[in-house]
Amino acid sequence: MLSNNKIVRAHSTDEYVDMIKQAIDETFDLRQAIEFDEEFMAEARPLVEILETSLKEIYDSMKDGSYEFATGDFPYVAEMKKYHEEMVPFRYLLKRINETHNKGLELTDAE
């Protein structure tokens, strides 16, 4: 896992899907930053490529009904560990997505 700290998982399917969409948008923004500031951001390009591929596959599997929880860490997790936290400002969101994937939705007693 990425950390020993408690990571709050998504509480509903809708929240989980929204997290994926937000991560896709954040990844797009990171790609734009790399293209704008190639000199300082170029080293993050491999991570962006893995994020784009992984997140698209996750989202597509949710749309077509083939998504399965608890199949292990997503491919971006290992790659993300290679980068300083400041390089990926939405790192916590990616951790939440991976944690929700591995442990399922965070349901409360009322649900």
N, C-alpha and C. Protein backbone atom coordinates (compact mmCIF):
# COMPACT_ATOMS: atom_id res chain seq x y z
N MET A 1 0.84 -1.18 0.00
CA MET A 1 0.00 0.00 0.00
C MET A 1 0.89 1.24 0.00
N LEU A 2 0.26 2.37 -0.17
CA LEU A 2 0.99 3.61 -0.30
C LEU A 2 1.38 4.25 1.02
N SER A 3 0.63 3.96 2.09
CA SER A 3 0.87 4.63 3.35
C SER A 3 0.23 3.85 4.47
N ASN A 4 0.72 4.05 5.69
CA ASN A 4 0.11 3.42 6.85
C ASN A 4 -1.02 4.25 7.42
N ASN A 5 -1.16 5.49 6.98
CA ASN A 5 -2.23 6.36 7.45
C ASN A 5 -3.57 5.89 6.90
N LYS A 6 -4.62 6.13 7.68
CA LYS A 6 -5.97 5.77 7.24
C LYS A 6 -6.36 6.63 6.05
N ILE A 7 -6.74 6.00 4.99
CA ILE A 7 -7.18 6.70 3.79
C ILE A 7 -8.69 6.48 3.69
N VAL A 8 -9.42 7.57 3.59
CA VAL A 8 -10.87 7.49 3.51
C VAL A 8 -11.27 7.02 2.12
N ARG A 9 -11.98 5.91 2.09
CA ARG A 9 -12.44 5.35 0.82
C ARG A 9 -13.75 6.01 0.39
N ALA A 10 -14.12 5.81 -0.85
CA ALA A 10 -15.40 6.31 -1.36
C ALA A 10 -16.53 5.64 -0.59
N HIS A 11 -17.61 6.40 -0.37
CA HIS A 11 -18.76 5.88 0.38
C HIS A 11 -19.86 5.34 -0.52
N SER A 12 -19.78 5.62 -1.80
CA SER A 12 -20.81 5.15 -2.73
C SER A 12 -20.20 4.93 -4.11
N THR A 13 -20.92 4.22 -4.93
CA THR A 13 -20.46 4.00 -6.31
C THR A 13 -20.34 5.33 -7.04
N ASP A 14 -21.33 6.21 -6.84
CA ASP A 14 -21.28 7.52 -7.50
C ASP A 14 -20.05 8.31 -7.09
N GLU A 15 -19.73 8.29 -5.80
CA GLU A 15 -18.55 9.00 -5.32
C GLU A 15 -17.28 8.40 -5.93
N TYR A 16 -17.24 7.08 -6.02
CA TYR A 16 -16.08 6.40 -6.59
C TYR A 16 -15.90 6.78 -8.07
N VAL A 17 -16.98 6.77 -8.82
CA VAL A 17 -16.92 7.16 -10.23
C VAL A 17 -16.47 8.61 -10.35
N ASP A 18 -17.00 9.48 -9.49
CA ASP A 18 -16.59 10.89 -9.51
C ASP A 18 -15.10 11.04 -9.21
N MET A 19 -14.58 10.22 -8.30
CA MET A 19 -13.15 10.26 -7.99
C MET A 19 -12.33 9.89 -9.22
N ILE A 20 -12.78 8.87 -9.95
CA ILE A 20 -12.07 8.46 -11.17
C ILE A 20 -12.09 9.59 -12.19
N LYS A 21 -13.26 10.19 -12.39
CA LYS A 21 -13.38 11.30 -13.35
C LYS A 21 -12.48 12.47 -12.95
N GLN A 22 -12.46 12.78 -11.66
CA GLN A 22 -11.62 13.88 -11.18
C GLN A 22 -10.15 13.56 -11.43
N ALA A 23 -9.74 12.33 -11.18
CA ALA A 23 -8.34 11.94 -11.42
C ALA A 23 -7.99 12.03 -12.90
N ILE A 24 -8.93 11.68 -13.76
CA ILE A 24 -8.70 11.81 -15.21
C ILE A 24 -8.48 13.28 -15.56
N ASP A 25 -9.32 14.16 -15.01
CA ASP A 25 -9.16 15.60 -15.26
C ASP A 25 -7.83 16.12 -14.72
N GLU A 26 -7.47 15.69 -13.52
CA GLU A 26 -6.21 16.12 -12.91
C GLU A 26 -5.01 15.63 -13.73
N THR A 27 -5.12 14.43 -14.27
CA THR A 27 -4.04 13.89 -15.11
C THR A 27 -3.90 14.70 -16.39
N PHE A 28 -5.03 15.09 -16.97
CA PHE A 28 -5.00 15.95 -18.15
C PHE A 28 -4.29 17.27 -17.82
N ASP A 29 -4.64 17.85 -16.67
CA ASP A 29 -4.00 19.10 -16.25
C ASP A 29 -2.49 18.92 -16.05
N LEU A 30 -2.10 17.78 -15.49
CA LEU A 30 -0.68 17.51 -15.29
C LEU A 30 0.03 17.39 -16.64
N ARG A 31 -0.61 16.75 -17.60
CA ARG A 31 -0.02 16.66 -18.95
C ARG A 31 0.16 18.06 -19.53
N GLN A 32 -0.83 18.92 -19.35
CA GLN A 32 -0.74 20.29 -19.85
C GLN A 32 0.43 21.03 -19.19
N ALA A 33 0.61 20.82 -17.90
CA ALA A 33 1.72 21.46 -17.18
C ALA A 33 3.07 20.98 -17.72
N ILE A 34 3.15 19.70 -18.04
CA ILE A 34 4.39 19.15 -18.60
C ILE A 34 4.68 19.79 -19.94
N GLU A 35 3.65 19.91 -20.77
CA GLU A 35 3.85 20.50 -22.09
C GLU A 35 4.21 21.98 -21.99
N PHE A 36 3.69 22.66 -20.98
CA PHE A 36 3.98 24.08 -20.79
C PHE A 36 5.39 24.29 -20.24
N ASP A 37 5.80 23.43 -19.32
CA ASP A 37 7.09 23.59 -18.64
C ASP A 37 7.91 22.31 -18.79
N GLU A 38 8.21 21.98 -20.01
CA GLU A 38 8.92 20.74 -20.35
C GLU A 38 10.23 20.58 -19.59
N GLU A 39 10.94 21.67 -19.42
CA GLU A 39 12.27 21.61 -18.79
C GLU A 39 12.22 21.04 -17.37
N PHE A 40 11.23 21.45 -16.59
CA PHE A 40 11.18 21.03 -15.19
C PHE A 40 10.22 19.87 -14.93
N MET A 41 9.31 19.62 -15.85
CA MET A 41 8.27 18.63 -15.61
C MET A 41 8.41 17.36 -16.46
N ALA A 42 9.34 17.34 -17.38
CA ALA A 42 9.44 16.22 -18.33
C ALA A 42 9.59 14.87 -17.66
N GLU A 43 10.23 14.83 -16.50
CA GLU A 43 10.44 13.54 -15.84
C GLU A 43 9.13 12.88 -15.40
N ALA A 44 8.05 13.64 -15.33
CA ALA A 44 6.76 13.08 -14.92
C ALA A 44 5.98 12.46 -16.09
N ARG A 45 6.49 12.59 -17.29
CA ARG A 45 5.77 12.08 -18.47
C ARG A 45 5.43 10.59 -18.37
N PRO A 46 6.35 9.70 -17.95
CA PRO A 46 5.99 8.28 -17.84
C PRO A 46 4.84 8.04 -16.85
N LEU A 47 4.82 8.79 -15.77
CA LEU A 47 3.73 8.64 -14.81
C LEU A 47 2.40 9.07 -15.43
N VAL A 48 2.40 10.17 -16.14
CA VAL A 48 1.17 10.65 -16.78
C VAL A 48 0.65 9.60 -17.76
N GLU A 49 1.53 8.98 -18.50
CA GLU A 49 1.09 7.96 -19.47
C GLU A 49 0.46 6.77 -18.76
N ILE A 50 1.05 6.33 -17.66
CA ILE A 50 0.48 5.21 -16.90
C ILE A 50 -0.85 5.61 -16.27
N LEU A 51 -0.91 6.83 -15.73
CA LEU A 51 -2.16 7.31 -15.14
C LEU A 51 -3.27 7.37 -16.18
N GLU A 52 -2.97 7.95 -17.34
CA GLU A 52 -3.99 8.06 -18.39
C GLU A 52 -4.52 6.68 -18.79
N THR A 53 -3.62 5.75 -19.01
CA THR A 53 -4.02 4.40 -19.41
C THR A 53 -4.81 3.71 -18.30
N SER A 54 -4.29 3.73 -17.09
CA SER A 54 -4.94 3.04 -15.97
C SER A 54 -6.32 3.61 -15.68
N LEU A 55 -6.41 4.92 -15.58
CA LEU A 55 -7.68 5.55 -15.22
C LEU A 55 -8.72 5.34 -16.31
N LYS A 56 -8.30 5.40 -17.57
CA LYS A 56 -9.24 5.15 -18.68
C LYS A 56 -9.75 3.71 -18.61
N GLU A 57 -8.86 2.76 -18.35
CA GLU A 57 -9.27 1.36 -18.25
C GLU A 57 -10.23 1.15 -17.08
N ILE A 58 -9.96 1.80 -15.95
CA ILE A 58 -10.85 1.69 -14.79
C ILE A 58 -12.23 2.23 -15.16
N TYR A 59 -12.25 3.43 -15.71
CA TYR A 59 -13.52 4.08 -16.05
C TYR A 59 -14.29 3.26 -17.09
N ASP A 60 -13.60 2.80 -18.12
CA ASP A 60 -14.27 1.99 -19.15
C ASP A 60 -14.84 0.71 -18.57
N SER A 61 -14.10 0.07 -17.65
CA SER A 61 -14.60 -1.18 -17.06
C SER A 61 -15.82 -0.90 -16.17
N MET A 62 -15.87 0.27 -15.56
CA MET A 62 -17.05 0.64 -14.78
C MET A 62 -18.25 0.84 -15.70
N LYS A 63 -18.01 1.49 -16.83
CA LYS A 63 -19.11 1.75 -17.78
C LYS A 63 -19.65 0.47 -18.39
N ASP A 64 -18.77 -0.48 -18.70
CA ASP A 64 -19.24 -1.70 -19.36
C ASP A 64 -19.61 -2.82 -18.39
N GLY A 65 -19.46 -2.55 -17.09
CA GLY A 65 -19.88 -3.52 -16.07
C GLY A 65 -18.88 -4.60 -15.75
N SER A 66 -17.67 -4.50 -16.26
CA SER A 66 -16.67 -5.55 -16.01
C SER A 66 -15.74 -5.22 -14.84
N TYR A 67 -15.91 -4.06 -14.21
CA TYR A 67 -15.04 -3.65 -13.10
C TYR A 67 -15.16 -4.62 -11.93
N GLU A 68 -14.02 -4.94 -11.31
CA GLU A 68 -13.99 -5.79 -10.13
C GLU A 68 -13.13 -5.13 -9.06
N PHE A 69 -13.64 -5.12 -7.83
CA PHE A 69 -12.86 -4.63 -6.70
C PHE A 69 -11.82 -5.67 -6.32
N ALA A 70 -10.82 -5.23 -5.58
CA ALA A 70 -9.84 -6.10 -4.91
C ALA A 70 -9.06 -7.02 -5.84
N THR A 71 -8.52 -6.45 -6.90
CA THR A 71 -7.67 -7.24 -7.80
C THR A 71 -6.20 -6.84 -7.66
N GLY A 72 -5.87 -6.15 -6.56
CA GLY A 72 -4.50 -5.70 -6.34
C GLY A 72 -4.34 -4.24 -6.68
N ASP A 73 -3.16 -3.71 -6.38
CA ASP A 73 -2.89 -2.30 -6.66
C ASP A 73 -2.98 -2.02 -8.15
N PHE A 74 -3.44 -0.81 -8.46
CA PHE A 74 -3.45 -0.38 -9.85
C PHE A 74 -2.01 -0.16 -10.32
N PRO A 75 -1.75 -0.27 -11.63
CA PRO A 75 -0.38 -0.12 -12.15
C PRO A 75 0.28 1.21 -11.79
N TYR A 76 -0.50 2.26 -11.64
CA TYR A 76 0.10 3.57 -11.36
C TYR A 76 0.71 3.66 -9.97
N VAL A 77 0.33 2.77 -9.05
CA VAL A 77 0.81 2.86 -7.67
C VAL A 77 2.33 2.70 -7.61
N ALA A 78 2.86 1.68 -8.24
CA ALA A 78 4.31 1.46 -8.22
C ALA A 78 5.05 2.61 -8.90
N GLU A 79 4.52 3.10 -10.00
CA GLU A 79 5.16 4.20 -10.72
C GLU A 79 5.14 5.48 -9.89
N MET A 80 4.03 5.73 -9.20
CA MET A 80 3.87 6.96 -8.43
C MET A 80 4.89 7.05 -7.30
N LYS A 81 5.30 5.92 -6.77
CA LYS A 81 6.27 5.91 -5.67
C LYS A 81 7.63 6.47 -6.09
N LYS A 82 7.89 6.53 -7.38
CA LYS A 82 9.17 7.02 -7.90
C LYS A 82 9.25 8.55 -7.92
N TYR A 83 8.13 9.22 -7.68
CA TYR A 83 8.07 10.67 -7.85
C TYR A 83 7.83 11.38 -6.52
N HIS A 84 8.44 12.54 -6.39
CA HIS A 84 8.24 13.37 -5.21
C HIS A 84 6.77 13.79 -5.14
N GLU A 85 6.26 13.92 -3.92
CA GLU A 85 4.85 14.25 -3.73
C GLU A 85 4.44 15.53 -4.45
N GLU A 86 5.32 16.50 -4.53
CA GLU A 86 4.98 17.76 -5.19
C GLU A 86 4.78 17.60 -6.70
N MET A 87 5.33 16.54 -7.26
CA MET A 87 5.19 16.31 -8.70
C MET A 87 3.76 15.88 -9.05
N VAL A 88 3.07 15.28 -8.09
CA VAL A 88 1.70 14.79 -8.32
C VAL A 88 0.80 15.39 -7.25
N PRO A 89 0.26 16.59 -7.50
CA PRO A 89 -0.52 17.28 -6.48
C PRO A 89 -1.81 16.56 -6.08
N PHE A 90 -2.28 15.64 -6.90
CA PHE A 90 -3.51 14.91 -6.59
C PHE A 90 -3.21 13.48 -6.14
N ARG A 91 -2.05 13.30 -5.55
CA ARG A 91 -1.59 12.00 -5.07
C ARG A 91 -2.58 11.36 -4.09
N TYR A 92 -3.13 12.16 -3.17
CA TYR A 92 -4.06 11.61 -2.17
C TYR A 92 -5.31 11.05 -2.85
N LEU A 93 -5.79 11.73 -3.89
CA LEU A 93 -6.94 11.22 -4.64
C LEU A 93 -6.61 9.86 -5.25
N LEU A 94 -5.43 9.73 -5.81
CA LEU A 94 -5.02 8.45 -6.40
C LEU A 94 -4.90 7.36 -5.33
N LYS A 95 -4.44 7.75 -4.15
CA LYS A 95 -4.38 6.79 -3.04
C LYS A 95 -5.78 6.35 -2.64
N ARG A 96 -6.71 7.31 -2.59
CA ARG A 96 -8.10 6.98 -2.23
C ARG A 96 -8.72 6.02 -3.25
N ILE A 97 -8.45 6.26 -4.52
CA ILE A 97 -8.98 5.38 -5.57
C ILE A 97 -8.42 3.97 -5.39
N ASN A 98 -7.13 3.86 -5.19
CA ASN A 98 -6.51 2.55 -5.02
C ASN A 98 -7.01 1.85 -3.76
N GLU A 99 -7.15 2.61 -2.68
CA GLU A 99 -7.63 2.05 -1.41
C GLU A 99 -9.08 1.56 -1.55
N THR A 100 -9.91 2.34 -2.22
CA THR A 100 -11.30 1.92 -2.45
C THR A 100 -11.33 0.67 -3.31
N HIS A 101 -10.47 0.63 -4.30
CA HIS A 101 -10.40 -0.54 -5.17
C HIS A 101 -10.04 -1.80 -4.37
N ASN A 102 -9.05 -1.68 -3.50
CA ASN A 102 -8.57 -2.85 -2.76
C ASN A 102 -9.48 -3.27 -1.61
N LYS A 103 -10.14 -2.31 -0.96
CA LYS A 103 -10.92 -2.62 0.24
C LYS A 103 -12.42 -2.42 0.07
N GLY A 104 -12.84 -1.94 -1.09
CA GLY A 104 -14.27 -1.72 -1.32
C GLY A 104 -14.73 -0.38 -0.78
N LEU A 105 -16.01 -0.13 -0.96
CA LEU A 105 -16.60 1.13 -0.51
C LEU A 105 -16.60 1.19 1.01
N GLU A 106 -16.50 2.39 1.54
CA GLU A 106 -16.51 2.62 2.99
C GLU A 106 -17.97 2.83 3.41
N LEU A 107 -18.64 1.75 3.72
CA LEU A 107 -20.04 1.82 4.09
C LEU A 107 -20.18 2.05 5.59
N THR A 108 -21.17 2.85 5.96
CA THR A 108 -21.45 3.09 7.37
C THR A 108 -22.57 2.16 7.80
N ASP A 109 -22.83 2.09 9.10
CA ASP A 109 -23.87 1.20 9.63
C ASP A 109 -25.25 1.53 9.07
N ALA A 110 -25.50 2.81 8.78
CA ALA A 110 -26.81 3.23 8.27
C ALA A 110 -27.04 2.75 6.84
N GLU A 111 -25.97 2.42 6.15
CA GLU A 111 -26.10 2.01 4.75
C GLU A 111 -26.28 0.55 4.70
